[in-house]
C-alpha cells in the first residue's frame, strides 16, 4: 500500500492514521479491504441517540457495536457493514 509522503519500509516509518475516506454502502464489501480492513467514522445518527452497527471484522467474524453515537470513530478493522439500526446515514471507511 502506498501512502503519500512516506518513503521506504512502511513498518519503519511513522504511521498516519488515515490517508483516505470513502462512503460505506450497506452489505457491500468495502473496496480495498481484500488484505486489510478499515476503521469507521459514524457521522450521523438521526435522533441523537446511539445506534447499533453490525459489521464483518477483518478476521471474517460478525460483530455488533451497540449504542454508537453520531461523531464516533470505531478503531476496529472491518471489511463490510452489514446493518445499521435506526437512521444512520453517513458512515465513512477510513484508509
C-alpha atoms as a PDB file:
ATOM      1  CA  UNK A   1       0.000   0.000   0.000  1.00  0.00           C
ATOM      2  CA  UNK A   2       1.340   3.403  -0.932  1.00  0.00           C
ATOM      3  CA  UNK A   3       0.857   6.339   1.443  1.00  0.00           C
ATOM      4  CA  UNK A   4       1.544   9.793   0.030  1.00  0.00           C
ATOM      5  CA  UNK A   5       4.581  11.402   1.630  1.00  0.00           C
ATOM      6  CA  UNK A   6       6.101   8.212   3.086  1.00  0.00           C
ATOM      7  CA  UNK A   7       9.104   6.523   1.565  1.00  0.00           C
ATOM      8  CA  UNK A   8      10.937   3.306   2.299  1.00  0.00           C
ATOM      9  CA  UNK A   9       9.761   0.466   4.502  1.00  0.00           C
ATOM     10  CA  UNK A  10       6.320   1.417   5.806  1.00  0.00           C
ATOM     11  CA  UNK A  11       6.851  -0.526   9.049  1.00  0.00           C
ATOM     12  CA  UNK A  12       9.931   1.591   9.844  1.00  0.00           C
ATOM     13  CA  UNK A  13       8.203   4.892   9.065  1.00  0.00           C
ATOM     14  CA  UNK A  14       5.825   6.940  11.221  1.00  0.00           C
ATOM     15  CA  UNK A  15       2.228   5.931  10.548  1.00  0.00           C
ATOM     16  CA  UNK A  16      -0.524   8.303   9.620  1.00  0.00           C
ATOM     17  CA  UNK A  17      -3.874   7.191  10.936  1.00  0.00           C
ATOM     18  CA  UNK A  18      -5.920   7.616   7.773  1.00  0.00           C
ATOM     19  CA  UNK A  19      -4.959   8.901   4.372  1.00  0.00           C
ATOM     20  CA  UNK A  20      -8.301   8.411   2.597  1.00  0.00           C
ATOM     21  CA  UNK A  21     -12.022   8.177   3.374  1.00  0.00           C
ATOM     22  CA  UNK A  22     -14.892   6.708   1.362  1.00  0.00           C
ATOM     23  CA  UNK A  23     -18.629   6.416   1.942  1.00  0.00           C
ATOM     24  CA  UNK A  24     -19.838   2.989   3.028  1.00  0.00           C
ATOM     25  CA  UNK A  25     -22.810   1.172   1.487  1.00  0.00           C
ATOM     26  CA  UNK A  26     -24.742  -1.463   3.431  1.00  0.00           C
ATOM     27  CA  UNK A  27     -23.955  -5.125   2.896  1.00  0.00           C
ATOM     28  CA  UNK A  28     -21.287  -4.494   0.246  1.00  0.00           C
ATOM     29  CA  UNK A  29     -17.657  -5.466   0.817  1.00  0.00           C
ATOM     30  CA  UNK A  30     -15.744  -2.218   1.210  1.00  0.00           C
ATOM     31  CA  UNK A  31     -13.430  -1.831  -1.818  1.00  0.00           C
ATOM     32  CA  UNK A  32      -9.753  -2.099  -0.921  1.00  0.00           C
ATOM     33  CA  UNK A  33     -10.269  -4.390   2.082  1.00  0.00           C
ATOM     34  CA  UNK A  34      -9.051  -7.588   0.440  1.00  0.00           C
ATOM     35  CA  UNK A  35      -5.905  -7.686   2.612  1.00  0.00           C
ATOM     36  CA  UNK A  36      -6.620  -5.165   5.388  1.00  0.00           C
ATOM     37  CA  UNK A  37      -9.795  -3.864   6.986  1.00  0.00           C
ATOM     38  CA  UNK A  38     -10.717  -0.234   7.602  1.00  0.00           C
ATOM     39  CA  UNK A  39     -11.788   1.792  10.624  1.00  0.00           C
ATOM     40  CA  UNK A  40     -15.179   3.501  10.601  1.00  0.00           C
ATOM     41  CA  UNK A  41     -16.416   7.007  11.326  1.00  0.00           C
ATOM     42  CA  UNK A  42     -20.144   7.376  12.102  1.00  0.00           C
ATOM     43  CA  UNK A  43     -21.070  10.910  11.087  1.00  0.00           C
ATOM     44  CA  UNK A  44     -24.821  10.956  11.503  1.00  0.00           C
ATOM     45  CA  UNK A  45     -27.204   9.019  13.704  1.00  0.00           C
ATOM     46  CA  UNK A  46     -30.580  10.742  13.435  1.00  0.00           C
ATOM     47  CA  UNK A  47     -32.497  11.154  16.650  1.00  0.00           C
ATOM     48  CA  UNK A  48     -29.444  11.983  18.737  1.00  0.00           C
ATOM     49  CA  UNK A  49     -29.166   8.588  20.405  1.00  0.00           C
ATOM     50  CA  UNK A  50     -26.616   5.881  19.768  1.00  0.00           C
ATOM     51  CA  UNK A  51     -27.366   3.333  17.067  1.00  0.00           C
ATOM     52  CA  UNK A  52     -26.260  -0.268  16.582  1.00  0.00           C
ATOM     53  CA  UNK A  53     -23.889  -1.183  13.743  1.00  0.00           C
ATOM     54  CA  UNK A  54     -23.254  -4.773  12.647  1.00  0.00           C
ATOM     55  CA  UNK A  55     -20.028  -5.367  10.721  1.00  0.00           C
ATOM     56  CA  UNK A  56     -17.830  -8.109   9.338  1.00  0.00           C
ATOM     57  CA  UNK A  57     -14.449  -7.863  11.026  1.00  0.00           C
ATOM     58  CA  UNK A  58     -11.140  -8.299   9.207  1.00  0.00           C
ATOM     59  CA  UNK A  59     -10.993 -11.811  10.710  1.00  0.00           C
ATOM     60  CA  UNK A  60     -14.273 -12.707   8.978  1.00  0.00           C
ATOM     61  CA  UNK A  61     -16.365 -12.807  12.151  1.00  0.00           C
ATOM     62  CA  UNK A  62     -19.505 -10.721  12.572  1.00  0.00           C
ATOM     63  CA  UNK A  63     -19.779  -8.223  15.430  1.00  0.00           C
ATOM     64  CA  UNK A  64     -22.416  -5.734  16.563  1.00  0.00           C
ATOM     65  CA  UNK A  65     -21.439  -2.461  18.215  1.00  0.00           C
ATOM     66  CA  UNK A  66     -24.278  -1.137  20.338  1.00  0.00           C
ATOM     67  CA  UNK A  67     -25.335   2.471  21.024  1.00  0.00           C
ATOM     68  CA  UNK A  68     -22.723   4.107  18.772  1.00  0.00           C
ATOM     69  CA  UNK A  69     -23.334   7.887  18.911  1.00  0.00           C
ATOM     70  CA  UNK A  70     -23.007  10.270  15.977  1.00  0.00           C
ATOM     71  CA  UNK A  71     -19.492  11.619  15.554  1.00  0.00           C
ATOM     72  CA  UNK A  72     -17.911   8.383  16.761  1.00  0.00           C
ATOM     73  CA  UNK A  73     -14.815   6.683  15.479  1.00  0.00           C
ATOM     74  CA  UNK A  74     -14.653   2.876  15.667  1.00  0.00           C
ATOM     75  CA  UNK A  75     -10.984   1.816  15.911  1.00  0.00           C
ATOM     76  CA  UNK A  76     -11.623  -1.701  14.635  1.00  0.00           C
ATOM     77  CA  UNK A  77     -10.747  -3.242  11.271  1.00  0.00           C
ATOM     78  CA  UNK A  78     -13.807  -4.147   9.213  1.00  0.00           C
ATOM     79  CA  UNK A  79     -14.429  -5.282   5.644  1.00  0.00           C
ATOM     80  CA  UNK A  80     -18.213  -4.852   5.430  1.00  0.00           C
ATOM     81  CA  UNK A  81     -21.033  -3.012   7.207  1.00  0.00           C
ATOM     82  CA  UNK A  82     -23.934  -5.470   7.367  1.00  0.00           C
ATOM     83  CA  UNK A  83     -26.619  -3.321   9.000  1.00  0.00           C
ATOM     84  CA  UNK A  84     -27.451  -0.166  10.943  1.00  0.00           C
ATOM     85  CA  UNK A  85     -30.257   0.207  13.433  1.00  0.00           C
ATOM     86  CA  UNK A  86     -32.351   3.329  13.047  1.00  0.00           C
ATOM     87  CA  UNK A  87     -31.360   6.176  10.806  1.00  0.00           C
ATOM     88  CA  UNK A  88     -27.600   6.139  10.412  1.00  0.00           C
ATOM     89  CA  UNK A  89     -26.985   7.869   7.114  1.00  0.00           C
ATOM     90  CA  UNK A  90     -23.306   8.796   6.941  1.00  0.00           C
ATOM     91  CA  UNK A  91     -20.592   6.243   7.619  1.00  0.00           C
ATOM     92  CA  UNK A  92     -17.056   6.625   6.275  1.00  0.00           C
ATOM     93  CA  UNK A  93     -14.403   3.958   5.797  1.00  0.00           C
ATOM     94  CA  UNK A  94     -11.010   5.348   6.864  1.00  0.00           C
ATOM     95  CA  UNK A  95      -7.988   4.001   4.981  1.00  0.00           C
END
